[in-house]
């Protein structure tokens, strides 16, 4: 039996005459790390704002930790780090951590301090003087210091260099493994998502178009490389997208691998292959 901690059912959201979400439906299970991916403007931040209660859906239901989300503040047990990482600019890092301790009953001071110190962020520095990377680490410590059951992260890796991205990824994986924290993070850095996340939600054209365990999703696709008409391959499956290159055409295909494909090369599909294919294809609905 699964334990759903975040779900949306038939959610619509528009801003004036612009549709952002249309019949958006998905669920996130406890203890998973889910990558929410999609093109710019697809509605990833809108989904997170709806989950937090900063926005209300035009239609449909949003549920977090068994409670229907309203506009009465963040659901207990939920922590959210927005893309712009709001922090009081004149506070020192030490004051930010003190603020977290005074406003959160479940605050873990030792853990928050450990996260900041591991990143070598000076406690006496004002937030406005910090580099973008250090500001991200402080914001993450503030979010994780609450010891949330569900953590939403909107583009948490964007301001980090490769080494810092690796360290943050390790922090998130450790938190999920040791404390069972359910994490949903949006990002454009697909290569790092594969190392952090075990679940995928792909948002395109106003709704979730692909969902599931990353290993299952990639195993359900393959790359067919060659020249000619792929329709001649027996038991081809559904061609999601094609990319023309100097060595022929690569087709990303969804379905079981063909037992034989004379004249064609059949390769494993990476997460990049699958996500980019599904983001470029246009659906009929």
C-alpha atoms as a PDB file:
ATOM      1  CA  UNK A   1       0.000   0.000   0.000  1.00  0.00           C
ATOM      2  CA  UNK A   2       1.415   3.355  -1.002  1.00  0.00           C
ATOM      3  CA  UNK A   3       1.434   6.426   1.202  1.00  0.00           C
ATOM      4  CA  UNK A   4       0.664   9.535  -0.845  1.00  0.00           C
ATOM      5  CA  UNK A   5       1.892  12.749   0.784  1.00  0.00           C
ATOM      6  CA  UNK A   6       1.274  15.204  -2.074  1.00  0.00           C
ATOM      7  CA  UNK A   7      -1.322  14.996  -4.814  1.00  0.00           C
ATOM      8  CA  UNK A   8      -3.208  17.081  -7.342  1.00  0.00           C
ATOM      9  CA  UNK A   9      -6.404  15.930  -9.018  1.00  0.00           C
ATOM     10  CA  UNK A  10      -7.899  17.698 -12.022  1.00  0.00           C
ATOM     11  CA  UNK A  11      -6.234  21.014 -11.201  1.00  0.00           C
ATOM     12  CA  UNK A  12      -6.763  24.012 -13.480  1.00  0.00           C
ATOM     13  CA  UNK A  13      -4.958  27.315 -13.030  1.00  0.00           C
ATOM     14  CA  UNK A  14      -5.002  30.368 -15.286  1.00  0.00           C
ATOM     15  CA  UNK A  15      -3.681  33.889 -14.963  1.00  0.00           C
ATOM     16  CA  UNK A  16      -6.006  36.254 -16.788  1.00  0.00           C
ATOM     17  CA  UNK A  17      -6.414  34.590 -20.188  1.00  0.00           C
ATOM     18  CA  UNK A  18      -3.302  32.436 -19.989  1.00  0.00           C
ATOM     19  CA  UNK A  19      -3.777  28.781 -19.081  1.00  0.00           C
ATOM     20  CA  UNK A  20      -0.926  27.417 -16.963  1.00  0.00           C
ATOM     21  CA  UNK A  21      -2.379  24.114 -15.729  1.00  0.00           C
ATOM     22  CA  UNK A  22      -5.253  22.163 -17.243  1.00  0.00           C
ATOM     23  CA  UNK A  23      -6.519  18.965 -15.605  1.00  0.00           C
ATOM     24  CA  UNK A  24      -3.160  18.492 -13.894  1.00  0.00           C
ATOM     25  CA  UNK A  25      -3.104  15.245 -11.937  1.00  0.00           C
ATOM     26  CA  UNK A  26      -0.281  13.426 -10.124  1.00  0.00           C
ATOM     27  CA  UNK A  27       0.742  11.947  -6.780  1.00  0.00           C
ATOM     28  CA  UNK A  28       3.986  11.805  -4.812  1.00  0.00           C
ATOM     29  CA  UNK A  29       4.694   8.989  -2.395  1.00  0.00           C
ATOM     30  CA  UNK A  30       6.358   9.256   1.007  1.00  0.00           C
ATOM     31  CA  UNK A  31      10.140   8.981   1.112  1.00  0.00           C
ATOM     32  CA  UNK A  32      10.690   9.573  -2.602  1.00  0.00           C
ATOM     33  CA  UNK A  33      12.844  12.204  -4.291  1.00  0.00           C
ATOM     34  CA  UNK A  34      10.930  13.485  -7.302  1.00  0.00           C
ATOM     35  CA  UNK A  35      12.306  15.554 -10.171  1.00  0.00           C
ATOM     36  CA  UNK A  36       9.732  17.957 -11.602  1.00  0.00           C
ATOM     37  CA  UNK A  37      10.890  18.912 -15.092  1.00  0.00           C
ATOM     38  CA  UNK A  38       9.449  20.977 -17.901  1.00  0.00           C
ATOM     39  CA  UNK A  39      10.251  23.905 -20.203  1.00  0.00           C
ATOM     40  CA  UNK A  40      10.388  27.482 -18.931  1.00  0.00           C
ATOM     41  CA  UNK A  41       6.907  28.757 -18.241  1.00  0.00           C
ATOM     42  CA  UNK A  42       5.399  25.268 -18.112  1.00  0.00           C
ATOM     43  CA  UNK A  43       4.026  25.807 -14.610  1.00  0.00           C
ATOM     44  CA  UNK A  44       6.542  24.126 -12.291  1.00  0.00           C
ATOM     45  CA  UNK A  45       6.624  27.072  -9.885  1.00  0.00           C
ATOM     46  CA  UNK A  46       2.835  27.319 -10.081  1.00  0.00           C
ATOM     47  CA  UNK A  47       2.527  23.690  -8.971  1.00  0.00           C
ATOM     48  CA  UNK A  48       4.733  24.386  -5.968  1.00  0.00           C
ATOM     49  CA  UNK A  49       2.871  27.587  -5.085  1.00  0.00           C
ATOM     50  CA  UNK A  50      -0.415  25.654  -5.207  1.00  0.00           C
ATOM     51  CA  UNK A  51       1.009  22.929  -2.960  1.00  0.00           C
ATOM     52  CA  UNK A  52       2.154  25.502  -0.430  1.00  0.00           C
ATOM     53  CA  UNK A  53      -1.126  27.424  -0.514  1.00  0.00           C
ATOM     54  CA  UNK A  54       0.298  30.632  -1.945  1.00  0.00           C
ATOM     55  CA  UNK A  55      -2.110  30.161  -4.860  1.00  0.00           C
ATOM     56  CA  UNK A  56      -5.547  28.591  -5.058  1.00  0.00           C
ATOM     57  CA  UNK A  57      -6.579  26.349  -7.964  1.00  0.00           C
ATOM     58  CA  UNK A  58      -9.377  27.495 -10.263  1.00  0.00           C
ATOM     59  CA  UNK A  59     -10.618  23.914 -10.193  1.00  0.00           C
ATOM     60  CA  UNK A  60      -9.500  20.633  -8.675  1.00  0.00           C
ATOM     61  CA  UNK A  61      -8.012  19.443  -5.401  1.00  0.00           C
ATOM     62  CA  UNK A  62      -4.540  19.832  -3.898  1.00  0.00           C
ATOM     63  CA  UNK A  63      -3.729  17.625  -0.908  1.00  0.00           C
ATOM     64  CA  UNK A  64      -0.606  17.634   1.267  1.00  0.00           C
ATOM     65  CA  UNK A  65      -0.080  15.167   4.126  1.00  0.00           C
ATOM     66  CA  UNK A  66      -3.724  14.216   4.067  1.00  0.00           C
ATOM     67  CA  UNK A  67      -5.001  17.790   4.253  1.00  0.00           C
ATOM     68  CA  UNK A  68      -6.687  19.709   1.495  1.00  0.00           C
ATOM     69  CA  UNK A  69      -4.583  22.806   0.882  1.00  0.00           C
ATOM     70  CA  UNK A  70      -6.229  26.172   1.515  1.00  0.00           C
ATOM     71  CA  UNK A  71      -4.845  29.679   1.872  1.00  0.00           C
ATOM     72  CA  UNK A  72      -4.243  29.563   5.618  1.00  0.00           C
ATOM     73  CA  UNK A  73      -0.507  29.190   5.587  1.00  0.00           C
ATOM     74  CA  UNK A  74       1.844  26.315   4.897  1.00  0.00           C
ATOM     75  CA  UNK A  75       0.622  22.859   5.883  1.00  0.00           C
ATOM     76  CA  UNK A  76       2.426  21.648   9.029  1.00  0.00           C
ATOM     77  CA  UNK A  77       5.186  19.293   7.989  1.00  0.00           C
ATOM     78  CA  UNK A  78       5.788  21.071   4.669  1.00  0.00           C
ATOM     79  CA  UNK A  79       8.814  23.224   3.848  1.00  0.00           C
ATOM     80  CA  UNK A  80       9.280  25.266   0.668  1.00  0.00           C
ATOM     81  CA  UNK A  81      12.318  26.937  -0.855  1.00  0.00           C
ATOM     82  CA  UNK A  82      11.313  29.296  -3.664  1.00  0.00           C
ATOM     83  CA  UNK A  83      13.514  29.936  -6.684  1.00  0.00           C
ATOM     84  CA  UNK A  84      14.446  33.461  -5.564  1.00  0.00           C
ATOM     85  CA  UNK A  85      15.379  32.121  -2.102  1.00  0.00           C
ATOM     86  CA  UNK A  86      13.831  34.864   0.067  1.00  0.00           C
ATOM     87  CA  UNK A  87      15.962  35.745   3.081  1.00  0.00           C
ATOM     88  CA  UNK A  88      16.150  38.908   5.171  1.00  0.00           C
ATOM     89  CA  UNK A  89      19.124  40.682   3.539  1.00  0.00           C
ATOM     90  CA  UNK A  90      20.230  42.603   6.649  1.00  0.00           C
ATOM     91  CA  UNK A  91      20.182  39.560   8.933  1.00  0.00           C
ATOM     92  CA  UNK A  92      23.442  37.783   9.611  1.00  0.00           C
ATOM     93  CA  UNK A  93      23.559  34.059   8.998  1.00  0.00           C
ATOM     94  CA  UNK A  94      23.510  33.489  12.744  1.00  0.00           C
ATOM     95  CA  UNK A  95      20.394  35.674  13.053  1.00  0.00           C
ATOM     96  CA  UNK A  96      18.699  33.773  10.219  1.00  0.00           C
ATOM     97  CA  UNK A  97      19.244  30.499  12.081  1.00  0.00           C
ATOM     98  CA  UNK A  98      18.004  32.075  15.308  1.00  0.00           C
ATOM     99  CA  UNK A  99      14.893  33.230  13.429  1.00  0.00           C
ATOM    100  CA  UNK A 100      14.329  29.682  12.205  1.00  0.00           C
ATOM    101  CA  UNK A 101      14.630  28.343  15.734  1.00  0.00           C
ATOM    102  CA  UNK A 102      12.173  30.881  17.168  1.00  0.00           C
ATOM    103  CA  UNK A 103       9.503  30.363  14.519  1.00  0.00           C
ATOM    104  CA  UNK A 104       9.521  26.568  14.087  1.00  0.00           C
ATOM    105  CA  UNK A 105       8.552  24.181  16.901  1.00  0.00           C
ATOM    106  CA  UNK A 106      10.301  21.276  15.154  1.00  0.00           C
ATOM    107  CA  UNK A 107      13.529  23.227  14.520  1.00  0.00           C
ATOM    108  CA  UNK A 108      16.803  21.271  14.692  1.00  0.00           C
ATOM    109  CA  UNK A 109      19.486  23.831  15.483  1.00  0.00           C
ATOM    110  CA  UNK A 110      22.362  21.362  15.381  1.00  0.00           C
ATOM    111  CA  UNK A 111      21.391  20.126  11.934  1.00  0.00           C
ATOM    112  CA  UNK A 112      20.866  23.616  10.484  1.00  0.00           C
ATOM    113  CA  UNK A 113      24.205  24.777  11.885  1.00  0.00           C
ATOM    114  CA  UNK A 114      25.925  21.669  10.513  1.00  0.00           C
ATOM    115  CA  UNK A 115      24.629  22.404   6.998  1.00  0.00           C
ATOM    116  CA  UNK A 116      25.875  25.990   7.125  1.00  0.00           C
ATOM    117  CA  UNK A 117      29.253  25.149   8.633  1.00  0.00           C
ATOM    118  CA  UNK A 118      29.850  22.336   6.132  1.00  0.00           C
ATOM    119  CA  UNK A 119      29.531  24.927   3.362  1.00  0.00           C
ATOM    120  CA  UNK A 120      31.980  27.245   5.190  1.00  0.00           C
ATOM    121  CA  UNK A 121      29.437  30.068   5.325  1.00  0.00           C
ATOM    122  CA  UNK A 122      30.535  32.710   7.872  1.00  0.00           C
ATOM    123  CA  UNK A 123      27.926  33.059  10.628  1.00  0.00           C
ATOM    124  CA  UNK A 124      28.720  36.755  11.126  1.00  0.00           C
ATOM    125  CA  UNK A 125      28.136  37.727   7.480  1.00  0.00           C
ATOM    126  CA  UNK A 126      24.998  39.557   6.443  1.00  0.00           C
ATOM    127  CA  UNK A 127      22.841  37.713   3.936  1.00  0.00           C
ATOM    128  CA  UNK A 128      23.146  40.561   1.406  1.00  0.00           C
ATOM    129  CA  UNK A 129      26.928  40.099   1.339  1.00  0.00           C
ATOM    130  CA  UNK A 130      26.825  36.370   0.586  1.00  0.00           C
ATOM    131  CA  UNK A 131      27.580  34.869  -2.790  1.00  0.00           C
ATOM    132  CA  UNK A 132      24.603  33.273  -4.594  1.00  0.00           C
ATOM    133  CA  UNK A 133      25.954  29.847  -3.712  1.00  0.00           C
ATOM    134  CA  UNK A 134      26.287  30.617  -0.017  1.00  0.00           C
ATOM    135  CA  UNK A 135      22.836  32.233   0.010  1.00  0.00           C
ATOM    136  CA  UNK A 136      21.446  29.008  -1.428  1.00  0.00           C
ATOM    137  CA  UNK A 137      23.155  26.943   1.275  1.00  0.00           C
ATOM    138  CA  UNK A 138      21.711  29.161   4.034  1.00  0.00           C
ATOM    139  CA  UNK A 139      18.228  28.988   2.508  1.00  0.00           C
ATOM    140  CA  UNK A 140      18.502  25.207   2.278  1.00  0.00           C
ATOM    141  CA  UNK A 141      19.604  25.002   5.922  1.00  0.00           C
ATOM    142  CA  UNK A 142      16.564  27.085   6.868  1.00  0.00           C
ATOM    143  CA  UNK A 143      14.267  24.753   4.913  1.00  0.00           C
ATOM    144  CA  UNK A 144      15.802  21.510   6.208  1.00  0.00           C
ATOM    145  CA  UNK A 145      16.230  22.816   9.753  1.00  0.00           C
ATOM    146  CA  UNK A 146      12.448  22.680  10.108  1.00  0.00           C
ATOM    147  CA  UNK A 147      12.740  18.889   9.779  1.00  0.00           C
ATOM    148  CA  UNK A 148       9.904  18.767   7.257  1.00  0.00           C
ATOM    149  CA  UNK A 149       8.105  15.653   6.130  1.00  0.00           C
ATOM    150  CA  UNK A 150       7.766  17.133   2.643  1.00  0.00           C
ATOM    151  CA  UNK A 151      10.318  19.521   1.110  1.00  0.00           C
ATOM    152  CA  UNK A 152       9.633  21.486  -2.089  1.00  0.00           C
ATOM    153  CA  UNK A 153      12.663  22.986  -3.844  1.00  0.00           C
ATOM    154  CA  UNK A 154      12.283  25.274  -6.851  1.00  0.00           C
ATOM    155  CA  UNK A 155      15.525  25.301  -8.900  1.00  0.00           C
ATOM    156  CA  UNK A 156      17.769  24.674  -5.864  1.00  0.00           C
ATOM    157  CA  UNK A 157      20.894  23.972  -7.950  1.00  0.00           C
ATOM    158  CA  UNK A 158      20.754  26.970 -10.263  1.00  0.00           C
ATOM    159  CA  UNK A 159      23.153  29.220  -8.300  1.00  0.00           C
ATOM    160  CA  UNK A 160      25.694  26.554  -7.440  1.00  0.00           C
ATOM    161  CA  UNK A 161      28.997  25.582  -9.018  1.00  0.00           C
ATOM    162  CA  UNK A 162      29.533  21.887  -9.882  1.00  0.00           C
ATOM    163  CA  UNK A 163      31.201  21.040  -6.562  1.00  0.00           C
ATOM    164  CA  UNK A 164      28.477  22.749  -4.538  1.00  0.00           C
ATOM    165  CA  UNK A 165      25.797  21.033  -6.641  1.00  0.00           C
ATOM    166  CA  UNK A 166      27.326  17.682  -5.798  1.00  0.00           C
ATOM    167  CA  UNK A 167      27.428  18.537  -2.089  1.00  0.00           C
ATOM    168  CA  UNK A 168      23.815  19.736  -2.047  1.00  0.00           C
ATOM    169  CA  UNK A 169      22.760  16.599  -3.920  1.00  0.00           C
ATOM    170  CA  UNK A 170      24.463  14.482  -1.269  1.00  0.00           C
ATOM    171  CA  UNK A 171      22.740  16.456   1.490  1.00  0.00           C
ATOM    172  CA  UNK A 172      19.320  15.876  -0.068  1.00  0.00           C
ATOM    173  CA  UNK A 173      19.973  12.173  -0.615  1.00  0.00           C
ATOM    174  CA  UNK A 174      21.187  11.771   2.964  1.00  0.00           C
ATOM    175  CA  UNK A 175      18.169  13.608   4.334  1.00  0.00           C
ATOM    176  CA  UNK A 176      15.781  11.441   2.336  1.00  0.00           C
ATOM    177  CA  UNK A 177      17.583   8.242   3.349  1.00  0.00           C
ATOM    178  CA  UNK A 178      18.068   8.999   7.058  1.00  0.00           C
ATOM    179  CA  UNK A 179      14.878  10.891   7.846  1.00  0.00           C
ATOM    180  CA  UNK A 180      12.462   9.709   5.169  1.00  0.00           C
ATOM    181  CA  UNK A 181      11.960  13.254   3.906  1.00  0.00           C
ATOM    182  CA  UNK A 182       9.886  13.415   0.743  1.00  0.00           C
ATOM    183  CA  UNK A 183      11.541  15.838  -1.689  1.00  0.00           C
ATOM    184  CA  UNK A 184      10.187  17.410  -4.853  1.00  0.00           C
ATOM    185  CA  UNK A 185      12.657  19.535  -6.784  1.00  0.00           C
ATOM    186  CA  UNK A 186      12.385  21.335 -10.079  1.00  0.00           C
ATOM    187  CA  UNK A 187      15.507  21.856 -12.138  1.00  0.00           C
ATOM    188  CA  UNK A 188      16.875  22.217 -15.646  1.00  0.00           C
ATOM    189  CA  UNK A 189      20.074  20.370 -14.705  1.00  0.00           C
ATOM    190  CA  UNK A 190      19.013  16.941 -15.942  1.00  0.00           C
ATOM    191  CA  UNK A 191      22.366  15.241 -15.416  1.00  0.00           C
ATOM    192  CA  UNK A 192      22.288  16.006 -11.699  1.00  0.00           C
ATOM    193  CA  UNK A 193      18.628  15.070 -11.332  1.00  0.00           C
ATOM    194  CA  UNK A 194      19.503  11.527 -12.384  1.00  0.00           C
ATOM    195  CA  UNK A 195      21.900  11.294  -9.417  1.00  0.00           C
ATOM    196  CA  UNK A 196      19.477  12.778  -6.871  1.00  0.00           C
ATOM    197  CA  UNK A 197      15.945  11.773  -7.827  1.00  0.00           C
ATOM    198  CA  UNK A 198      14.307   8.370  -8.061  1.00  0.00           C
ATOM    199  CA  UNK A 199      10.970   9.584  -9.473  1.00  0.00           C
ATOM    200  CA  UNK A 200      10.064  11.778 -12.451  1.00  0.00           C
ATOM    201  CA  UNK A 201       7.192  14.149 -13.181  1.00  0.00           C
ATOM    202  CA  UNK A 202       7.354  15.695 -16.649  1.00  0.00           C
ATOM    203  CA  UNK A 203       5.158  18.756 -17.138  1.00  0.00           C
ATOM    204  CA  UNK A 204       4.287  19.813 -20.672  1.00  0.00           C
ATOM    205  CA  UNK A 205       1.351  21.637 -22.229  1.00  0.00           C
ATOM    206  CA  UNK A 206      -0.387  22.354 -18.927  1.00  0.00           C
ATOM    207  CA  UNK A 207      -0.353  18.878 -17.364  1.00  0.00           C
ATOM    208  CA  UNK A 208       1.818  15.942 -16.294  1.00  0.00           C
ATOM    209  CA  UNK A 209       2.632  13.900 -19.391  1.00  0.00           C
ATOM    210  CA  UNK A 210       5.101  11.391 -17.963  1.00  0.00           C
ATOM    211  CA  UNK A 211       5.375  10.064 -14.411  1.00  0.00           C
ATOM    212  CA  UNK A 212       7.037   7.176 -12.631  1.00  0.00           C
ATOM    213  CA  UNK A 213      10.248   5.781 -11.226  1.00  0.00           C
ATOM    214  CA  UNK A 214      13.189   7.075 -13.266  1.00  0.00           C
ATOM    215  CA  UNK A 215      14.606   3.595 -13.784  1.00  0.00           C
ATOM    216  CA  UNK A 216      11.228   2.349 -15.039  1.00  0.00           C
ATOM    217  CA  UNK A 217      10.769   5.368 -17.310  1.00  0.00           C
ATOM    218  CA  UNK A 218      14.183   5.003 -18.937  1.00  0.00           C
ATOM    219  CA  UNK A 219      13.798   1.214 -19.211  1.00  0.00           C
ATOM    220  CA  UNK A 220      10.525   1.807 -21.051  1.00  0.00           C
ATOM    221  CA  UNK A 221      12.387   3.718 -23.794  1.00  0.00           C
ATOM    222  CA  UNK A 222      15.244   2.977 -26.160  1.00  0.00           C
ATOM    223  CA  UNK A 223      17.168   4.803 -28.894  1.00  0.00           C
ATOM    224  CA  UNK A 224      17.076   3.456 -32.451  1.00  0.00           C
ATOM    225  CA  UNK A 225      19.869   4.767 -34.687  1.00  0.00           C
ATOM    226  CA  UNK A 226      20.179   4.283 -38.421  1.00  0.00           C
ATOM    227  CA  UNK A 227      18.829   5.392 -41.758  1.00  0.00           C
ATOM    228  CA  UNK A 228      15.620   4.562 -43.524  1.00  0.00           C
ATOM    229  CA  UNK A 229      12.074   4.134 -42.285  1.00  0.00           C
ATOM    230  CA  UNK A 230      11.901   2.825 -38.691  1.00  0.00           C
ATOM    231  CA  UNK A 231       8.393   1.540 -39.378  1.00  0.00           C
ATOM    232  CA  UNK A 232      10.085  -1.430 -41.046  1.00  0.00           C
ATOM    233  CA  UNK A 233      11.366  -2.567 -37.614  1.00  0.00           C
ATOM    234  CA  UNK A 234       9.128  -5.273 -36.197  1.00  0.00           C
ATOM    235  CA  UNK A 235       7.401  -4.430 -32.892  1.00  0.00           C
ATOM    236  CA  UNK A 236       8.767  -0.904 -33.083  1.00  0.00           C
ATOM    237  CA  UNK A 237       6.768   0.738 -30.316  1.00  0.00           C
ATOM    238  CA  UNK A 238       5.807   4.422 -30.282  1.00  0.00           C
ATOM    239  CA  UNK A 239       8.319   6.881 -31.728  1.00  0.00           C
ATOM    240  CA  UNK A 240       8.445   9.843 -29.349  1.00  0.00           C
ATOM    241  CA  UNK A 241      10.937  12.036 -31.228  1.00  0.00           C
ATOM    242  CA  UNK A 242      13.656  11.925 -33.858  1.00  0.00           C
ATOM    243  CA  UNK A 243      16.980  13.722 -34.158  1.00  0.00           C
ATOM    244  CA  UNK A 244      18.888  13.865 -37.437  1.00  0.00           C
ATOM    245  CA  UNK A 245      22.671  13.657 -37.321  1.00  0.00           C
ATOM    246  CA  UNK A 246      25.662  12.935 -39.520  1.00  0.00           C
ATOM    247  CA  UNK A 247      25.538   9.235 -38.650  1.00  0.00           C
ATOM    248  CA  UNK A 248      21.862   8.868 -39.460  1.00  0.00           C
ATOM    249  CA  UNK A 249      18.705   9.527 -37.496  1.00  0.00           C
ATOM    250  CA  UNK A 250      18.182   8.709 -33.838  1.00  0.00           C
ATOM    251  CA  UNK A 251      14.643   7.828 -32.808  1.00  0.00           C
ATOM    252  CA  UNK A 252      13.615   7.803 -29.160  1.00  0.00           C
ATOM    253  CA  UNK A 253      11.068   5.002 -28.914  1.00  0.00           C
ATOM    254  CA  UNK A 254       8.719   4.062 -26.093  1.00  0.00           C
ATOM    255  CA  UNK A 255       7.936   0.387 -25.667  1.00  0.00           C
ATOM    256  CA  UNK A 256       9.643  -3.015 -25.423  1.00  0.00           C
ATOM    257  CA  UNK A 257      12.853  -3.396 -27.397  1.00  0.00           C
ATOM    258  CA  UNK A 258      12.533  -5.225 -30.719  1.00  0.00           C
ATOM    259  CA  UNK A 259      13.981  -8.737 -30.756  1.00  0.00           C
ATOM    260  CA  UNK A 260      15.772  -7.940 -34.010  1.00  0.00           C
ATOM    261  CA  UNK A 261      16.415  -4.725 -35.959  1.00  0.00           C
ATOM    262  CA  UNK A 262      18.617  -5.475 -38.997  1.00  0.00           C
ATOM    263  CA  UNK A 263      20.454  -2.377 -40.184  1.00  0.00           C
ATOM    264  CA  UNK A 264      19.663  -0.470 -36.978  1.00  0.00           C
ATOM    265  CA  UNK A 265      21.567   0.142 -33.751  1.00  0.00           C
ATOM    266  CA  UNK A 266      19.539  -0.184 -30.551  1.00  0.00           C
ATOM    267  CA  UNK A 267      20.895   1.720 -27.515  1.00  0.00           C
ATOM    268  CA  UNK A 268      19.791   2.354 -23.944  1.00  0.00           C
ATOM    269  CA  UNK A 269      17.926   5.616 -23.412  1.00  0.00           C
ATOM    270  CA  UNK A 270      19.316   8.049 -20.844  1.00  0.00           C
ATOM    271  CA  UNK A 271      17.190  10.355 -18.728  1.00  0.00           C
ATOM    272  CA  UNK A 272      18.295  13.207 -20.997  1.00  0.00           C
ATOM    273  CA  UNK A 273      17.125  11.269 -24.062  1.00  0.00           C
ATOM    274  CA  UNK A 274      13.703  10.579 -22.588  1.00  0.00           C
ATOM    275  CA  UNK A 275      13.048  14.022 -21.105  1.00  0.00           C
ATOM    276  CA  UNK A 276      14.199  15.963 -24.172  1.00  0.00           C
ATOM    277  CA  UNK A 277      12.163  13.707 -26.470  1.00  0.00           C
ATOM    278  CA  UNK A 278       8.984  14.202 -24.465  1.00  0.00           C
ATOM    279  CA  UNK A 279       9.544  17.934 -24.161  1.00  0.00           C
ATOM    280  CA  UNK A 280       9.929  18.401 -27.914  1.00  0.00           C
ATOM    281  CA  UNK A 281       6.972  16.318 -29.047  1.00  0.00           C
ATOM    282  CA  UNK A 282       3.608  18.035 -29.308  1.00  0.00           C
ATOM    283  CA  UNK A 283       0.469  16.191 -28.296  1.00  0.00           C
ATOM    284  CA  UNK A 284      -2.920  16.372 -29.927  1.00  0.00           C
ATOM    285  CA  UNK A 285      -4.689  17.343 -26.713  1.00  0.00           C
END
